[in-house]
Amino acid sequence: MPRTVKVGFSIPTEGHTPPESLQSIRLMCHRHGKIEMESKLKNMDEQFEFYDMTAGRMFTPMAREKAANTALDGGMDYLFMVDDDMLCPFDLFERLYRHKVDIVAPLAFTRNPPYLAVLYKITEGWDDIKKQQYILNEWIKNWPKGKLVECDAVGFGAVLINMNVVKKMERPFFMCSSGTGEDIWFCHRAKREAGAKIFMDTATELGHIGAPLIIGQEMHDKANNREEIERIYGPYYRFGVYDVSHNPMVENADKMEPEVLAR
């Protein structure tokens, strides 16, 4: 008897989706439709159904919270979330689903240097002053390449969560004041409350759309050899050269053509 696998697909967004990731999401949705159709036409043992659970124009942890609640209410088997600043392989769902684990994320990196992979080790402690527990997350920098790596927490640039984990947890799932971020905090709670195991598939890589570059002379000089340009083209003398107060400057006068100096 075929088993129906219901997947809630969510893009938790604050409302500023770049066109590059929009195209990536479109290709993924096309793929999901193909998986759904083929699994039913071929009467596969697992037949997939994908449901749109995108929550937009709101604080990202709240968008994740809404997606998780909608997935619970809709009887989803999995919650598949992809941030809207990620470039994903079109078959990302299949790559993650094949592992059949509690929580799994693809390899992703921080937006800014030194571009660390978002998989973490967590250390728990007790604050004697505040009389409460705390956690510290530490980057795992020696992660194995091309492997399924178990860890304490992963960043949720994209993630596939088995809803059996969420069912064992207390609400709210993602809303928190922890400085670690809602994704790391969720992983920590999932391990503690649901006995979940967290993994990163370092053989499946995402692209993280970074902050736009500010192009100025420094960037130009890195991309162009000014000495070589001057050697090839010589000094500029098509029109007169002036200082910033608009007074004529006669630099390189010996190399300029007479009609230029006469202006």
C-alpha atoms as a PDB file:
ATOM      1  CA  MET A   1       0.000   0.000   0.000  1.00  0.00           C
ATOM      2  CA  PRO A   2       1.601   3.332  -1.037  1.00  0.00           C
ATOM      3  CA  ARG A   3       2.361   5.840   1.718  1.00  0.00           C
ATOM      4  CA  THR A   4       1.542   9.509   1.166  1.00  0.00           C
ATOM      5  CA  VAL A   5       4.316  11.890   2.251  1.00  0.00           C
ATOM      6  CA  LYS A   6       2.995  15.405   2.838  1.00  0.00           C
ATOM      7  CA  VAL A   7       5.610  18.151   2.626  1.00  0.00           C
ATOM      8  CA  GLY A   8       5.047  21.749   3.666  1.00  0.00           C
ATOM      9  CA  PHE A   9       7.292  24.007   1.567  1.00  0.00           C
ATOM     10  CA  SER A  10       7.925  27.431   3.104  1.00  0.00           C
ATOM     11  CA  ILE A  11       9.985  30.502   2.214  1.00  0.00           C
ATOM     12  CA  PRO A  12      10.215  32.527   5.437  1.00  0.00           C
ATOM     13  CA  THR A  13      10.786  35.994   4.036  1.00  0.00           C
ATOM     14  CA  GLU A  14      10.822  39.576   5.258  1.00  0.00           C
ATOM     15  CA  GLY A  15       9.681  40.676   1.811  1.00  0.00           C
ATOM     16  CA  HIS A  16      12.877  41.447  -0.115  1.00  0.00           C
ATOM     17  CA  THR A  17      13.414  38.385  -2.306  1.00  0.00           C
ATOM     18  CA  PRO A  18      16.268  38.894  -4.827  1.00  0.00           C
ATOM     19  CA  PRO A  19      15.440  37.882  -8.425  1.00  0.00           C
ATOM     20  CA  GLU A  20      18.230  35.272  -8.453  1.00  0.00           C
ATOM     21  CA  SER A  21      16.712  33.313  -5.571  1.00  0.00           C
ATOM     22  CA  LEU A  22      13.217  33.781  -7.001  1.00  0.00           C
ATOM     23  CA  GLN A  23      14.318  31.947 -10.129  1.00  0.00           C
ATOM     24  CA  SER A  24      15.910  29.238  -7.986  1.00  0.00           C
ATOM     25  CA  ILE A  25      12.650  28.795  -6.060  1.00  0.00           C
ATOM     26  CA  ARG A  26      10.640  28.592  -9.302  1.00  0.00           C
ATOM     27  CA  LEU A  27      12.818  25.740 -10.552  1.00  0.00           C
ATOM     28  CA  MET A  28      12.453  23.911  -7.241  1.00  0.00           C
ATOM     29  CA  CYS A  29       8.664  24.242  -7.360  1.00  0.00           C
ATOM     30  CA  HIS A  30       8.650  22.844 -10.881  1.00  0.00           C
ATOM     31  CA  ARG A  31      10.680  19.905  -9.604  1.00  0.00           C
ATOM     32  CA  HIS A  32       8.269  19.335  -6.716  1.00  0.00           C
ATOM     33  CA  GLY A  33       5.377  19.124  -9.151  1.00  0.00           C
ATOM     34  CA  LYS A  34       7.298  16.572 -11.198  1.00  0.00           C
ATOM     35  CA  ILE A  35       8.057  14.458  -8.096  1.00  0.00           C
ATOM     36  CA  GLU A  36       4.417  14.588  -7.041  1.00  0.00           C
ATOM     37  CA  MET A  37       3.106  13.593 -10.465  1.00  0.00           C
ATOM     38  CA  GLU A  38       5.621  10.818 -11.138  1.00  0.00           C
ATOM     39  CA  SER A  39       5.269   9.240  -7.692  1.00  0.00           C
ATOM     40  CA  LYS A  40       1.538   8.842  -8.270  1.00  0.00           C
ATOM     41  CA  LEU A  41       1.613   7.878 -11.956  1.00  0.00           C
ATOM     42  CA  LYS A  42       4.214   5.183 -11.265  1.00  0.00           C
ATOM     43  CA  ASN A  43       2.400   4.089  -8.094  1.00  0.00           C
ATOM     44  CA  MET A  44       5.577   4.376  -6.026  1.00  0.00           C
ATOM     45  CA  ASP A  45       5.746   3.174  -2.436  1.00  0.00           C
ATOM     46  CA  GLU A  46       6.074   6.814  -1.339  1.00  0.00           C
ATOM     47  CA  GLN A  47       3.751   9.286  -3.057  1.00  0.00           C
ATOM     48  CA  PHE A  48       4.491  12.934  -2.418  1.00  0.00           C
ATOM     49  CA  GLU A  49       2.234  15.922  -1.922  1.00  0.00           C
ATOM     50  CA  PHE A  50       3.712  19.438  -1.632  1.00  0.00           C
ATOM     51  CA  TYR A  51       1.885  22.292   0.072  1.00  0.00           C
ATOM     52  CA  ASP A  52       2.790  25.978  -0.087  1.00  0.00           C
ATOM     53  CA  MET A  53       3.274  27.430   3.399  1.00  0.00           C
ATOM     54  CA  THR A  54       5.176  30.605   2.642  1.00  0.00           C
ATOM     55  CA  ALA A  55       4.874  33.371   5.205  1.00  0.00           C
ATOM     56  CA  GLY A  56       6.084  36.730   3.985  1.00  0.00           C
ATOM     57  CA  ARG A  57       6.679  40.314   5.039  1.00  0.00           C
ATOM     58  CA  MET A  58       7.329  39.471   8.652  1.00  0.00           C
ATOM     59  CA  PHE A  59      10.164  38.856  11.102  1.00  0.00           C
ATOM     60  CA  THR A  60      11.899  35.635  10.009  1.00  0.00           C
ATOM     61  CA  PRO A  61      11.465  33.731  13.332  1.00  0.00           C
ATOM     62  CA  MET A  62       7.755  34.596  13.248  1.00  0.00           C
ATOM     63  CA  ALA A  63       7.523  33.388   9.639  1.00  0.00           C
ATOM     64  CA  ARG A  64       9.122  30.086  10.688  1.00  0.00           C
ATOM     65  CA  GLU A  65       6.737  29.853  13.635  1.00  0.00           C
ATOM     66  CA  LYS A  66       3.747  30.360  11.374  1.00  0.00           C
ATOM     67  CA  ALA A  67       5.023  27.736   8.924  1.00  0.00           C
ATOM     68  CA  ALA A  68       5.535  25.186  11.718  1.00  0.00           C
ATOM     69  CA  ASN A  69       2.042  25.757  13.102  1.00  0.00           C
ATOM     70  CA  THR A  70       0.487  25.520   9.638  1.00  0.00           C
ATOM     71  CA  ALA A  71       2.403  22.287   9.009  1.00  0.00           C
ATOM     72  CA  LEU A  72       1.078  20.833  12.259  1.00  0.00           C
ATOM     73  CA  ASP A  73      -2.474  21.875  11.505  1.00  0.00           C
ATOM     74  CA  GLY A  74      -2.227  20.440   7.983  1.00  0.00           C
ATOM     75  CA  GLY A  75      -0.873  17.074   9.086  1.00  0.00           C
ATOM     76  CA  MET A  76       2.443  17.472   7.254  1.00  0.00           C
ATOM     77  CA  ASP A  77       5.092  14.792   7.513  1.00  0.00           C
ATOM     78  CA  TYR A  78       7.928  17.221   6.771  1.00  0.00           C
ATOM     79  CA  LEU A  79       8.546  20.951   6.875  1.00  0.00           C
ATOM     80  CA  PHE A  80      10.927  22.093   4.139  1.00  0.00           C
ATOM     81  CA  MET A  81      12.143  25.682   4.550  1.00  0.00           C
ATOM     82  CA  VAL A  82      14.399  27.682   2.241  1.00  0.00           C
ATOM     83  CA  ASP A  83      15.473  31.266   2.928  1.00  0.00           C
ATOM     84  CA  ASP A  84      14.916  33.772   0.146  1.00  0.00           C
ATOM     85  CA  ASP A  85      18.588  34.780  -0.120  1.00  0.00           C
ATOM     86  CA  MET A  86      19.740  31.304  -1.122  1.00  0.00           C
ATOM     87  CA  LEU A  87      20.494  29.743  -4.493  1.00  0.00           C
ATOM     88  CA  CYS A  88      19.544  26.059  -4.352  1.00  0.00           C
ATOM     89  CA  PRO A  89      19.939  23.020  -6.590  1.00  0.00           C
ATOM     90  CA  PHE A  90      16.535  22.270  -8.119  1.00  0.00           C
ATOM     91  CA  ASP A  91      16.554  18.768  -6.576  1.00  0.00           C
ATOM     92  CA  LEU A  92      17.390  19.980  -3.072  1.00  0.00           C
ATOM     93  CA  PHE A  93      14.382  18.279  -1.469  1.00  0.00           C
ATOM     94  CA  GLU A  94      15.344  14.867  -2.853  1.00  0.00           C
ATOM     95  CA  ARG A  95      18.941  15.253  -1.740  1.00  0.00           C
ATOM     96  CA  LEU A  96      17.890  15.993   1.830  1.00  0.00           C
ATOM     97  CA  TYR A  97      14.960  13.574   2.020  1.00  0.00           C
ATOM     98  CA  ARG A  98      17.078  10.574   0.998  1.00  0.00           C
ATOM     99  CA  HIS A  99      18.817  10.658   4.389  1.00  0.00           C
ATOM    100  CA  LYS A 100      15.576   9.984   6.326  1.00  0.00           C
ATOM    101  CA  VAL A 101      16.819  11.788   9.441  1.00  0.00           C
ATOM    102  CA  ASP A 102      15.195  14.144  11.961  1.00  0.00           C
ATOM    103  CA  ILE A 103      16.729  17.433  10.833  1.00  0.00           C
ATOM    104  CA  VAL A 104      19.087  17.940   7.904  1.00  0.00           C
ATOM    105  CA  ALA A 105      20.442  21.020   6.170  1.00  0.00           C
ATOM    106  CA  PRO A 106      22.610  21.468   3.078  1.00  0.00           C
ATOM    107  CA  LEU A 107      26.033  23.079   3.223  1.00  0.00           C
ATOM    108  CA  ALA A 108      25.723  26.860   3.433  1.00  0.00           C
ATOM    109  CA  PHE A 109      28.078  29.650   4.425  1.00  0.00           C
ATOM    110  CA  THR A 110      27.838  32.988   6.204  1.00  0.00           C
ATOM    111  CA  ARG A 111      27.202  36.043   4.067  1.00  0.00           C
ATOM    112  CA  ASN A 112      30.338  37.892   5.167  1.00  0.00           C
ATOM    113  CA  PRO A 113      34.040  36.961   5.548  1.00  0.00           C
ATOM    114  CA  PRO A 114      35.498  34.615   6.622  1.00  0.00           C
ATOM    115  CA  TYR A 115      32.531  32.724   5.071  1.00  0.00           C
ATOM    116  CA  LEU A 116      32.222  29.958   7.660  1.00  0.00           C
ATOM    117  CA  ALA A 117      30.027  26.893   7.169  1.00  0.00           C
ATOM    118  CA  VAL A 118      26.897  27.096   9.322  1.00  0.00           C
ATOM    119  CA  LEU A 119      27.266  23.936  11.384  1.00  0.00           C
ATOM    120  CA  TYR A 120      27.877  24.167  15.085  1.00  0.00           C
ATOM    121  CA  LYS A 121      28.948  22.566  18.327  1.00  0.00           C
ATOM    122  CA  ILE A 122      26.935  23.618  21.395  1.00  0.00           C
ATOM    123  CA  THR A 123      28.212  23.828  24.956  1.00  0.00           C
ATOM    124  CA  GLU A 124      25.749  24.136  27.848  1.00  0.00           C
ATOM    125  CA  GLY A 125      26.482  25.952  31.081  1.00  0.00           C
ATOM    126  CA  TRP A 126      24.939  27.442  34.207  1.00  0.00           C
ATOM    127  CA  ASP A 127      24.926  31.157  35.047  1.00  0.00           C
ATOM    128  CA  ASP A 128      25.319  31.474  38.841  1.00  0.00           C
ATOM    129  CA  ILE A 129      24.338  35.137  38.770  1.00  0.00           C
ATOM    130  CA  LYS A 130      21.156  34.828  36.676  1.00  0.00           C
ATOM    131  CA  LYS A 131      20.469  31.340  38.040  1.00  0.00           C
ATOM    132  CA  GLN A 132      19.694  29.949  34.630  1.00  0.00           C
ATOM    133  CA  GLN A 133      21.175  27.719  31.969  1.00  0.00           C
ATOM    134  CA  TYR A 134      22.894  29.121  28.910  1.00  0.00           C
ATOM    135  CA  ILE A 135      24.332  27.739  25.682  1.00  0.00           C
ATOM    136  CA  LEU A 136      27.363  28.719  23.651  1.00  0.00           C
ATOM    137  CA  ASN A 137      27.599  27.812  19.986  1.00  0.00           C
ATOM    138  CA  GLU A 138      30.950  27.290  18.299  1.00  0.00           C
ATOM    139  CA  TRP A 139      31.708  27.043  14.584  1.00  0.00           C
ATOM    140  CA  ILE A 140      32.818  23.628  13.361  1.00  0.00           C
ATOM    141  CA  LYS A 141      35.661  24.538  11.030  1.00  0.00           C
ATOM    142  CA  ASN A 142      37.090  21.082  10.270  1.00  0.00           C
ATOM    143  CA  TRP A 143      33.888  19.653   8.756  1.00  0.00           C
ATOM    144  CA  PRO A 144      34.308  16.660   6.419  1.00  0.00           C
ATOM    145  CA  LYS A 145      33.619  17.385   2.759  1.00  0.00           C
ATOM    146  CA  GLY A 146      31.029  15.431   0.794  1.00  0.00           C
ATOM    147  CA  LYS A 147      29.609  13.644   3.864  1.00  0.00           C
ATOM    148  CA  LEU A 148      26.524  13.491   6.053  1.00  0.00           C
ATOM    149  CA  VAL A 149      27.828  15.121   9.225  1.00  0.00           C
ATOM    150  CA  GLU A 150      26.068  14.922  12.593  1.00  0.00           C
ATOM    151  CA  CYS A 151      26.382  18.059  14.700  1.00  0.00           C
ATOM    152  CA  ASP A 152      24.590  19.967  17.460  1.00  0.00           C
ATOM    153  CA  ALA A 153      23.014  22.637  15.253  1.00  0.00           C
ATOM    154  CA  VAL A 154      22.810  23.902  11.693  1.00  0.00           C
ATOM    155  CA  GLY A 155      21.888  27.197  10.100  1.00  0.00           C
ATOM    156  CA  PHE A 156      18.501  27.208   8.389  1.00  0.00           C
ATOM    157  CA  GLY A 157      19.454  28.693   5.019  1.00  0.00           C
ATOM    158  CA  ALA A 158      17.544  25.586   3.982  1.00  0.00           C
ATOM    159  CA  VAL A 159      16.397  22.724   6.178  1.00  0.00           C
ATOM    160  CA  LEU A 160      14.200  19.638   6.098  1.00  0.00           C
ATOM    161  CA  ILE A 161      12.507  18.867   9.432  1.00  0.00           C
ATOM    162  CA  ASN A 162      10.626  15.687  10.247  1.00  0.00           C
ATOM    163  CA  MET A 163       7.387  16.872  11.868  1.00  0.00           C
ATOM    164  CA  ASN A 164       7.563  14.060  14.421  1.00  0.00           C
ATOM    165  CA  VAL A 165      10.272  16.196  16.029  1.00  0.00           C
ATOM    166  CA  VAL A 166       8.075  19.311  16.153  1.00  0.00           C
ATOM    167  CA  LYS A 167       5.152  17.345  17.640  1.00  0.00           C
ATOM    168  CA  LYS A 168       7.269  16.545  20.704  1.00  0.00           C
ATOM    169  CA  MET A 169       8.291  20.157  21.316  1.00  0.00           C
ATOM    170  CA  GLU A 170       6.588  22.955  23.209  1.00  0.00           C
ATOM    171  CA  ARG A 171       5.388  26.143  21.548  1.00  0.00           C
ATOM    172  CA  PRO A 172       6.728  28.590  20.560  1.00  0.00           C
ATOM    173  CA  PHE A 173       9.156  26.697  18.366  1.00  0.00           C
ATOM    174  CA  PHE A 174      11.193  29.534  16.872  1.00  0.00           C
ATOM    175  CA  MET A 175      10.345  32.751  18.691  1.00  0.00           C
ATOM    176  CA  CYS A 176      13.110  33.373  21.204  1.00  0.00           C
ATOM    177  CA  SER A 177      15.384  36.019  22.665  1.00  0.00           C
ATOM    178  CA  SER A 178      18.484  33.835  22.453  1.00  0.00           C
ATOM    179  CA  GLY A 179      21.532  35.497  20.947  1.00  0.00           C
ATOM    180  CA  THR A 180      22.303  32.287  19.069  1.00  0.00           C
ATOM    181  CA  GLY A 181      19.526  32.844  16.522  1.00  0.00           C
ATOM    182  CA  GLU A 182      16.251  30.966  16.126  1.00  0.00           C
ATOM    183  CA  ASP A 183      17.732  28.173  14.004  1.00  0.00           C
ATOM    184  CA  ILE A 184      20.465  27.181  16.455  1.00  0.00           C
ATOM    185  CA  TRP A 185      18.069  27.565  19.373  1.00  0.00           C
ATOM    186  CA  PHE A 186      15.504  25.314  17.653  1.00  0.00           C
ATOM    187  CA  CYS A 187      18.122  22.612  17.056  1.00  0.00           C
ATOM    188  CA  HIS A 188      19.213  22.731  20.678  1.00  0.00           C
ATOM    189  CA  ARG A 189      15.631  22.412  21.894  1.00  0.00           C
ATOM    190  CA  ALA A 190      14.870  19.665  19.361  1.00  0.00           C
ATOM    191  CA  LYS A 191      17.721  17.583  20.783  1.00  0.00           C
ATOM    192  CA  ARG A 192      16.692  18.280  24.360  1.00  0.00           C
ATOM    193  CA  GLU A 193      12.893  17.937  24.032  1.00  0.00           C
ATOM    194  CA  ALA A 194      12.530  15.429  21.198  1.00  0.00           C
ATOM    195  CA  GLY A 195      15.824  13.545  21.207  1.00  0.00           C
ATOM    196  CA  ALA A 196      16.384  14.697  17.628  1.00  0.00           C
ATOM    197  CA  LYS A 197      19.569  14.145  15.668  1.00  0.00           C
ATOM    198  CA  ILE A 198      20.799  17.012  13.524  1.00  0.00           C
ATOM    199  CA  PHE A 199      22.856  16.636  10.350  1.00  0.00           C
ATOM    200  CA  MET A 200      24.423  18.643   7.560  1.00  0.00           C
ATOM    201  CA  ASP A 201      24.834  17.202   4.076  1.00  0.00           C
ATOM    202  CA  THR A 202      28.138  18.747   3.018  1.00  0.00           C
ATOM    203  CA  ALA A 203      27.821  17.149  -0.428  1.00  0.00           C
ATOM    204  CA  THR A 204      24.849  19.426  -1.208  1.00  0.00           C
ATOM    205  CA  GLU A 205      25.810  23.084  -1.406  1.00  0.00           C
ATOM    206  CA  LEU A 206      23.798  26.306  -1.427  1.00  0.00           C
ATOM    207  CA  GLY A 207      24.827  29.706  -2.694  1.00  0.00           C
ATOM    208  CA  HIS A 208      24.302  32.555  -0.208  1.00  0.00           C
ATOM    209  CA  ILE A 209      23.569  35.865  -1.915  1.00  0.00           C
ATOM    210  CA  GLY A 210      25.921  38.326  -0.260  1.00  0.00           C
ATOM    211  CA  ALA A 211      25.703  42.028   0.365  1.00  0.00           C
ATOM    212  CA  PRO A 212      26.166  44.152  -2.798  1.00  0.00           C
ATOM    213  CA  LEU A 213      29.679  45.385  -3.418  1.00  0.00           C
ATOM    214  CA  ILE A 214      30.310  49.113  -3.286  1.00  0.00           C
ATOM    215  CA  ILE A 215      32.315  49.840  -6.406  1.00  0.00           C
ATOM    216  CA  GLY A 216      34.857  52.644  -6.083  1.00  0.00           C
ATOM    217  CA  GLN A 217      38.417  53.387  -7.114  1.00  0.00           C
ATOM    218  CA  GLU A 218      39.779  50.733  -4.764  1.00  0.00           C
ATOM    219  CA  MET A 219      37.705  48.042  -6.462  1.00  0.00           C
ATOM    220  CA  HIS A 220      38.676  49.417  -9.867  1.00  0.00           C
ATOM    221  CA  ASP A 221      42.383  49.337  -9.043  1.00  0.00           C
ATOM    222  CA  LYS A 222      42.099  45.725  -7.849  1.00  0.00           C
ATOM    223  CA  ALA A 223      40.581  44.745 -11.182  1.00  0.00           C
ATOM    224  CA  ASN A 224      42.781  46.907 -13.405  1.00  0.00           C
ATOM    225  CA  ASN A 225      46.536  47.433 -13.600  1.00  0.00           C
ATOM    226  CA  ARG A 226      46.830  51.217 -13.700  1.00  0.00           C
ATOM    227  CA  GLU A 227      50.527  51.160 -14.524  1.00  0.00           C
ATOM    228  CA  GLU A 228      49.887  48.897 -17.474  1.00  0.00           C
ATOM    229  CA  ILE A 229      47.026  51.123 -18.642  1.00  0.00           C
ATOM    230  CA  GLU A 230      49.221  54.221 -18.493  1.00  0.00           C
ATOM    231  CA  ARG A 231      51.986  52.402 -20.321  1.00  0.00           C
ATOM    232  CA  ILE A 232      49.664  51.429 -23.162  1.00  0.00           C
ATOM    233  CA  TYR A 233      47.563  54.583 -23.455  1.00  0.00           C
ATOM    234  CA  GLY A 234      49.817  57.261 -22.016  1.00  0.00           C
ATOM    235  CA  PRO A 235      48.457  60.259 -20.079  1.00  0.00           C
ATOM    236  CA  TYR A 236      44.989  61.608 -20.730  1.00  0.00           C
ATOM    237  CA  TYR A 237      44.997  64.651 -22.996  1.00  0.00           C
ATOM    238  CA  ARG A 238      41.807  64.555 -25.054  1.00  0.00           C
ATOM    239  CA  PHE A 239      40.533  67.571 -23.096  1.00  0.00           C
ATOM    240  CA  GLY A 240      42.104  69.872 -20.562  1.00  0.00           C
ATOM    241  CA  VAL A 241      42.787  68.590 -17.054  1.00  0.00           C
ATOM    242  CA  TYR A 242      41.739  70.773 -14.115  1.00  0.00           C
ATOM    243  CA  ASP A 243      42.067  70.617 -10.360  1.00  0.00           C
ATOM    244  CA  VAL A 244      38.963  70.384  -8.207  1.00  0.00           C
ATOM    245  CA  SER A 245      38.657  74.167  -7.946  1.00  0.00           C
ATOM    246  CA  HIS A 246      38.473  74.264 -11.775  1.00  0.00           C
ATOM    247  CA  ASN A 247      41.805  75.960 -12.270  1.00  0.00           C
ATOM    248  CA  PRO A 248      43.728  74.714 -15.320  1.00  0.00           C
ATOM    249  CA  MET A 249      46.438  72.285 -14.411  1.00  0.00           C
ATOM    250  CA  VAL A 250      49.349  71.893 -16.780  1.00  0.00           C
ATOM    251  CA  GLU A 251      50.514  68.486 -15.651  1.00  0.00           C
ATOM    252  CA  ASN A 252      52.254  66.516 -18.345  1.00  0.00           C
ATOM    253  CA  ALA A 253      52.329  69.648 -20.501  1.00  0.00           C
ATOM    254  CA  ASP A 254      55.320  68.398 -22.423  1.00  0.00           C
ATOM    255  CA  LYS A 255      53.322  65.358 -23.525  1.00  0.00           C
ATOM    256  CA  MET A 256      50.142  67.199 -24.494  1.00  0.00           C
ATOM    257  CA  GLU A 257      49.254  68.288 -27.973  1.00  0.00           C
ATOM    258  CA  PRO A 258      49.466  72.061 -28.654  1.00  0.00           C
ATOM    259  CA  GLU A 259      45.739  72.456 -29.406  1.00  0.00           C
ATOM    260  CA  VAL A 260      44.919  70.974 -25.981  1.00  0.00           C
ATOM    261  CA  LEU A 261      47.123  73.465 -24.131  1.00  0.00           C
ATOM    262  CA  ALA A 262      45.564  76.340 -26.086  1.00  0.00           C
ATOM    263  CA  ARG A 263      42.082  75.697 -24.675  1.00  0.00           C
END
